[in-house]
Amino acid sequence: MRYLFALIPSKQFMLAYIQAAQQIFAPINDGYLLQEGNSTPHVTLCAFQCEDEQKIMDIWKEVKSWQINKCAVRMVGLMLKKGKVPPYHYSVGLSVARDPALLDLHQLAVDLLHSHGISCLNPIQHVYQPHLTLAGISWEPNVSVVLPFLIDDLISMPIDSFRIVLAKGDDIGQYLETICE
């Protein structure tokens, strides 16, 4: 089973991200699109595989002992990342500032997983690129995509305090279900 230590926004911000993703990218999405109840807006701290449910609960108890319930998340721009397959697949999202509090929280999660013999599936430490994916899109290089001012609105929203959760995910990085908060 794939799990995520993730940061999720307040309900108000969550709805803003979902609405923007749906409005802008629904016509060109290719499998990953934020929506209520299926793909929750989030910033992944660590993605990992584990089949031992008791180990998962033990790890979560340690996370709760950190006494860190929220972390400020600051959006700084738009991210477009080329996928491997199929041709013309890209991930589009919001880049998140690598602020010290967020990087410290990421490192805590990495160290915790390593102490339990679990490796992170996402890039870690100096190659960790925090982001909030809005959609996976199919976009051919010669096709124009017009981004509305809504993107600027998402990037310039006030800094929000995201809360840390343990969630089930899938192989393309979607946040499917909250396990623990």
C-alpha atoms as a PDB file:
ATOM      1  CA  MET A   1       0.000   0.000   0.000  1.00  0.00           C
ATOM      2  CA  ARG A   2       1.236   3.497  -0.815  1.00  0.00           C
ATOM      3  CA  TYR A   3       1.008   6.121   1.929  1.00  0.00           C
ATOM      4  CA  LEU A   4       1.731   9.820   2.165  1.00  0.00           C
ATOM      5  CA  PHE A   5       2.770  12.109   4.951  1.00  0.00           C
ATOM      6  CA  ALA A   6       1.148  15.192   3.520  1.00  0.00           C
ATOM      7  CA  LEU A   7       0.169  18.721   4.358  1.00  0.00           C
ATOM      8  CA  ILE A   8      -3.406  19.636   3.479  1.00  0.00           C
ATOM      9  CA  PRO A   9      -4.925  23.126   3.388  1.00  0.00           C
ATOM     10  CA  SER A  10      -7.924  24.502   5.210  1.00  0.00           C
ATOM     11  CA  LYS A  11     -11.318  23.697   3.668  1.00  0.00           C
ATOM     12  CA  GLN A  12     -11.615  27.200   2.160  1.00  0.00           C
ATOM     13  CA  PHE A  13      -8.259  26.961   0.382  1.00  0.00           C
ATOM     14  CA  MET A  14      -8.870  23.334  -0.585  1.00  0.00           C
ATOM     15  CA  LEU A  15     -12.009  24.343  -2.458  1.00  0.00           C
ATOM     16  CA  ALA A  16     -10.161  27.175  -4.221  1.00  0.00           C
ATOM     17  CA  TYR A  17      -7.484  24.774  -5.509  1.00  0.00           C
ATOM     18  CA  ILE A  18     -10.088  22.233  -6.648  1.00  0.00           C
ATOM     19  CA  GLN A  19     -12.233  24.818  -8.424  1.00  0.00           C
ATOM     20  CA  ALA A  20      -9.228  26.307 -10.201  1.00  0.00           C
ATOM     21  CA  ALA A  21      -7.932  22.914 -11.326  1.00  0.00           C
ATOM     22  CA  GLN A  22     -11.371  21.926 -12.608  1.00  0.00           C
ATOM     23  CA  GLN A  23     -11.956  25.227 -14.393  1.00  0.00           C
ATOM     24  CA  ILE A  24      -8.545  25.481 -16.029  1.00  0.00           C
ATOM     25  CA  PHE A  25      -7.358  21.920 -16.648  1.00  0.00           C
ATOM     26  CA  ALA A  26     -10.416  19.630 -16.926  1.00  0.00           C
ATOM     27  CA  PRO A  27     -10.464  19.801 -20.763  1.00  0.00           C
ATOM     28  CA  ILE A  28      -6.834  18.657 -21.072  1.00  0.00           C
ATOM     29  CA  ASN A  29      -6.369  16.462 -17.998  1.00  0.00           C
ATOM     30  CA  ASP A  30      -5.086  12.941 -18.484  1.00  0.00           C
ATOM     31  CA  GLY A  31      -5.844  11.158 -15.245  1.00  0.00           C
ATOM     32  CA  TYR A  32      -4.866  13.434 -12.360  1.00  0.00           C
ATOM     33  CA  LEU A  33      -7.238  16.275 -11.596  1.00  0.00           C
ATOM     34  CA  LEU A  34      -8.053  17.704  -8.190  1.00  0.00           C
ATOM     35  CA  GLN A  35     -11.602  16.959  -7.136  1.00  0.00           C
ATOM     36  CA  GLU A  36     -13.518  16.482  -3.915  1.00  0.00           C
ATOM     37  CA  GLY A  37     -13.438  12.967  -2.569  1.00  0.00           C
ATOM     38  CA  ASN A  38     -10.921  11.537  -5.019  1.00  0.00           C
ATOM     39  CA  SER A  39      -7.796  13.646  -5.336  1.00  0.00           C
ATOM     40  CA  THR A  40      -7.302  16.013  -2.416  1.00  0.00           C
ATOM     41  CA  PRO A  41      -5.042  19.083  -2.718  1.00  0.00           C
ATOM     42  CA  HIS A  42      -1.858  18.413  -0.749  1.00  0.00           C
ATOM     43  CA  VAL A  43       1.865  18.971  -0.423  1.00  0.00           C
ATOM     44  CA  THR A  44       3.662  15.640  -0.067  1.00  0.00           C
ATOM     45  CA  LEU A  45       6.299  15.480   2.659  1.00  0.00           C
ATOM     46  CA  CYS A  46       7.089  11.798   2.015  1.00  0.00           C
ATOM     47  CA  ALA A  47       5.491   9.049  -0.039  1.00  0.00           C
ATOM     48  CA  PHE A  48       6.264   5.480   0.986  1.00  0.00           C
ATOM     49  CA  GLN A  49       5.218   1.848   0.714  1.00  0.00           C
ATOM     50  CA  CYS A  50       4.338  -0.275   3.745  1.00  0.00           C
ATOM     51  CA  GLU A  51       2.232  -3.398   4.134  1.00  0.00           C
ATOM     52  CA  ASP A  52       2.346  -3.569   7.956  1.00  0.00           C
ATOM     53  CA  GLU A  53      -0.645  -1.633   9.331  1.00  0.00           C
ATOM     54  CA  GLN A  54       0.641  -1.838  12.913  1.00  0.00           C
ATOM     55  CA  LYS A  55       3.939  -0.276  11.839  1.00  0.00           C
ATOM     56  CA  ILE A  56       1.988   2.514  10.131  1.00  0.00           C
ATOM     57  CA  MET A  57       0.086   3.255  13.351  1.00  0.00           C
ATOM     58  CA  ASP A  58       3.317   3.167  15.400  1.00  0.00           C
ATOM     59  CA  ILE A  59       4.912   5.632  12.981  1.00  0.00           C
ATOM     60  CA  TRP A  60       1.867   7.921  13.174  1.00  0.00           C
ATOM     61  CA  LYS A  61       2.089   7.931  17.000  1.00  0.00           C
ATOM     62  CA  GLU A  62       5.626   9.241  16.635  1.00  0.00           C
ATOM     63  CA  VAL A  63       4.453  11.941  14.220  1.00  0.00           C
ATOM     64  CA  LYS A  64       1.824  13.068  16.748  1.00  0.00           C
ATOM     65  CA  SER A  65       4.529  13.280  19.430  1.00  0.00           C
ATOM     66  CA  TRP A  66       6.254  15.992  17.385  1.00  0.00           C
ATOM     67  CA  GLN A  67       3.509  18.388  18.530  1.00  0.00           C
ATOM     68  CA  ILE A  68       3.489  19.941  15.044  1.00  0.00           C
ATOM     69  CA  ASN A  69      -0.063  20.119  13.810  1.00  0.00           C
ATOM     70  CA  LYS A  70       0.292  22.881  11.235  1.00  0.00           C
ATOM     71  CA  CYS A  71       2.908  24.318   8.923  1.00  0.00           C
ATOM     72  CA  ALA A  72       2.738  27.571   6.983  1.00  0.00           C
ATOM     73  CA  VAL A  73       2.817  26.947   3.236  1.00  0.00           C
ATOM     74  CA  ARG A  74       3.677  29.739   0.814  1.00  0.00           C
ATOM     75  CA  MET A  75       2.986  29.406  -2.904  1.00  0.00           C
ATOM     76  CA  VAL A  76       5.637  31.029  -5.080  1.00  0.00           C
ATOM     77  CA  GLY A  77       4.832  30.179  -8.682  1.00  0.00           C
ATOM     78  CA  LEU A  78       3.568  27.802 -11.310  1.00  0.00           C
ATOM     79  CA  MET A  79       5.277  24.446 -11.879  1.00  0.00           C
ATOM     80  CA  LEU A  80       5.248  22.508 -15.140  1.00  0.00           C
ATOM     81  CA  LYS A  81       7.025  19.164 -14.978  1.00  0.00           C
ATOM     82  CA  LYS A  82       7.540  16.826 -17.932  1.00  0.00           C
ATOM     83  CA  GLY A  83       6.329  13.285 -17.319  1.00  0.00           C
ATOM     84  CA  LYS A  84       7.937  10.134 -18.653  1.00  0.00           C
ATOM     85  CA  VAL A  85       4.909   8.512 -20.285  1.00  0.00           C
ATOM     86  CA  PRO A  86       2.747   8.948 -22.249  1.00  0.00           C
ATOM     87  CA  PRO A  87       4.237  11.430 -24.720  1.00  0.00           C
ATOM     88  CA  TYR A  88       3.136  14.999 -24.041  1.00  0.00           C
ATOM     89  CA  HIS A  89       2.271  14.304 -20.382  1.00  0.00           C
ATOM     90  CA  TYR A  90       3.013  17.065 -17.900  1.00  0.00           C
ATOM     91  CA  SER A  91       2.200  17.738 -14.268  1.00  0.00           C
ATOM     92  CA  VAL A  92       1.097  21.262 -13.548  1.00  0.00           C
ATOM     93  CA  GLY A  93       0.923  22.675 -10.060  1.00  0.00           C
ATOM     94  CA  LEU A  94       1.916  25.386  -7.667  1.00  0.00           C
ATOM     95  CA  SER A  95       5.507  25.610  -6.451  1.00  0.00           C
ATOM     96  CA  VAL A  96       5.856  25.877  -2.694  1.00  0.00           C
ATOM     97  CA  ALA A  97       8.595  27.918  -1.009  1.00  0.00           C
ATOM     98  CA  ARG A  98      11.360  25.843   0.587  1.00  0.00           C
ATOM     99  CA  ASP A  99      10.920  27.659   3.887  1.00  0.00           C
ATOM    100  CA  PRO A 100      12.969  26.338   6.851  1.00  0.00           C
ATOM    101  CA  ALA A 101       9.929  25.104   8.827  1.00  0.00           C
ATOM    102  CA  LEU A 102       8.699  23.050   5.866  1.00  0.00           C
ATOM    103  CA  LEU A 103      12.162  21.629   5.143  1.00  0.00           C
ATOM    104  CA  ASP A 104      12.596  20.731   8.827  1.00  0.00           C
ATOM    105  CA  LEU A 105       9.250  18.924   8.812  1.00  0.00           C
ATOM    106  CA  HIS A 106      10.217  17.074   5.618  1.00  0.00           C
ATOM    107  CA  GLN A 107      13.501  15.992   7.215  1.00  0.00           C
ATOM    108  CA  LEU A 108      11.710  14.793  10.364  1.00  0.00           C
ATOM    109  CA  ALA A 109       9.451  12.621   8.201  1.00  0.00           C
ATOM    110  CA  VAL A 110      12.378  11.245   6.175  1.00  0.00           C
ATOM    111  CA  ASP A 111      14.355  10.423   9.328  1.00  0.00           C
ATOM    112  CA  LEU A 112      11.345   8.782  10.972  1.00  0.00           C
ATOM    113  CA  LEU A 113      10.704   6.545   7.996  1.00  0.00           C
ATOM    114  CA  HIS A 114      14.385   5.627   7.730  1.00  0.00           C
ATOM    115  CA  SER A 115      14.422   4.711  11.441  1.00  0.00           C
ATOM    116  CA  HIS A 116      11.704   2.156  10.618  1.00  0.00           C
ATOM    117  CA  GLY A 117      13.569   0.796   7.592  1.00  0.00           C
ATOM    118  CA  ILE A 118      11.285   2.531   5.076  1.00  0.00           C
ATOM    119  CA  SER A 119      12.533   4.530   2.098  1.00  0.00           C
ATOM    120  CA  CYS A 120      10.822   7.589   0.667  1.00  0.00           C
ATOM    121  CA  LEU A 121       9.501   7.256  -2.869  1.00  0.00           C
ATOM    122  CA  ASN A 122       9.721  10.972  -3.635  1.00  0.00           C
ATOM    123  CA  PRO A 123      12.920  13.040  -3.911  1.00  0.00           C
ATOM    124  CA  ILE A 124      14.275  14.002  -0.503  1.00  0.00           C
ATOM    125  CA  GLN A 125      16.465  16.584   1.194  1.00  0.00           C
ATOM    126  CA  HIS A 126      18.248  18.942  -1.235  1.00  0.00           C
ATOM    127  CA  VAL A 127      16.281  17.637  -4.257  1.00  0.00           C
ATOM    128  CA  TYR A 128      12.906  17.815  -2.461  1.00  0.00           C
ATOM    129  CA  GLN A 129      10.645  20.144  -4.453  1.00  0.00           C
ATOM    130  CA  PRO A 130       7.514  20.899  -2.446  1.00  0.00           C
ATOM    131  CA  HIS A 131       4.517  21.558  -4.674  1.00  0.00           C
ATOM    132  CA  LEU A 132       0.751  21.224  -4.886  1.00  0.00           C
ATOM    133  CA  THR A 133      -0.207  19.397  -8.082  1.00  0.00           C
ATOM    134  CA  LEU A 134      -3.343  20.742  -9.765  1.00  0.00           C
ATOM    135  CA  ALA A 135      -3.520  18.308 -12.690  1.00  0.00           C
ATOM    136  CA  GLY A 136      -1.779  15.907 -14.976  1.00  0.00           C
ATOM    137  CA  ILE A 137      -2.277  17.175 -18.500  1.00  0.00           C
ATOM    138  CA  SER A 138      -1.749  16.084 -22.060  1.00  0.00           C
ATOM    139  CA  TRP A 139      -0.182  18.999 -23.869  1.00  0.00           C
ATOM    140  CA  GLU A 140       1.487  18.923 -27.250  1.00  0.00           C
ATOM    141  CA  PRO A 141       4.224  21.535 -27.629  1.00  0.00           C
ATOM    142  CA  ASN A 142       2.580  23.319 -30.575  1.00  0.00           C
ATOM    143  CA  VAL A 143      -0.777  23.744 -28.809  1.00  0.00           C
ATOM    144  CA  SER A 144      -1.488  26.985 -26.955  1.00  0.00           C
ATOM    145  CA  VAL A 145      -2.851  26.900 -23.437  1.00  0.00           C
ATOM    146  CA  VAL A 146      -4.136  30.175 -22.044  1.00  0.00           C
ATOM    147  CA  LEU A 147      -3.898  30.445 -18.282  1.00  0.00           C
ATOM    148  CA  PRO A 148      -6.464  32.767 -16.748  1.00  0.00           C
ATOM    149  CA  PHE A 149      -5.763  35.280 -13.995  1.00  0.00           C
ATOM    150  CA  LEU A 150      -7.072  32.607 -11.626  1.00  0.00           C
ATOM    151  CA  ILE A 151      -3.529  31.187 -11.519  1.00  0.00           C
ATOM    152  CA  ASP A 152      -2.233  34.518 -10.188  1.00  0.00           C
ATOM    153  CA  ASP A 153      -5.010  34.463  -7.601  1.00  0.00           C
ATOM    154  CA  LEU A 154      -3.914  31.012  -6.384  1.00  0.00           C
ATOM    155  CA  ILE A 155      -0.269  32.027  -6.136  1.00  0.00           C
ATOM    156  CA  SER A 156      -1.052  35.295  -4.345  1.00  0.00           C
ATOM    157  CA  MET A 157      -3.527  33.856  -1.810  1.00  0.00           C
ATOM    158  CA  PRO A 158      -2.509  34.560   1.781  1.00  0.00           C
ATOM    159  CA  ILE A 159      -0.161  32.056   3.410  1.00  0.00           C
ATOM    160  CA  ASP A 160      -2.237  29.204   4.788  1.00  0.00           C
ATOM    161  CA  SER A 161      -1.431  26.867   7.659  1.00  0.00           C
ATOM    162  CA  PHE A 162      -1.600  23.355   6.282  1.00  0.00           C
ATOM    163  CA  ARG A 163      -2.113  20.450   8.692  1.00  0.00           C
ATOM    164  CA  ILE A 164      -0.112  17.247   8.648  1.00  0.00           C
ATOM    165  CA  VAL A 165      -1.928  14.002   7.877  1.00  0.00           C
ATOM    166  CA  LEU A 166      -1.272  10.385   7.012  1.00  0.00           C
ATOM    167  CA  ALA A 167      -3.106   9.377   3.854  1.00  0.00           C
ATOM    168  CA  LYS A 168      -3.472   6.591   1.347  1.00  0.00           C
ATOM    169  CA  GLY A 169      -2.202   7.479  -2.084  1.00  0.00           C
ATOM    170  CA  ASP A 170      -1.860   5.923  -5.491  1.00  0.00           C
ATOM    171  CA  ASP A 171       1.003   5.326  -7.897  1.00  0.00           C
ATOM    172  CA  ILE A 172       0.583   8.695  -9.647  1.00  0.00           C
ATOM    173  CA  GLY A 173       0.741  10.663  -6.401  1.00  0.00           C
ATOM    174  CA  GLN A 174      -2.935  11.365  -5.808  1.00  0.00           C
ATOM    175  CA  TYR A 175      -4.098  11.756  -2.222  1.00  0.00           C
ATOM    176  CA  LEU A 176      -7.055   9.395  -1.987  1.00  0.00           C
ATOM    177  CA  GLU A 177      -8.061   9.023   1.649  1.00  0.00           C
ATOM    178  CA  THR A 178      -7.097  10.436   5.045  1.00  0.00           C
ATOM    179  CA  ILE A 179      -6.038   7.708   7.483  1.00  0.00           C
ATOM    180  CA  CYS A 180      -4.986   9.856  10.469  1.00  0.00           C
ATOM    181  CA  GLU A 181      -4.975  13.554  11.342  1.00  0.00           C
END
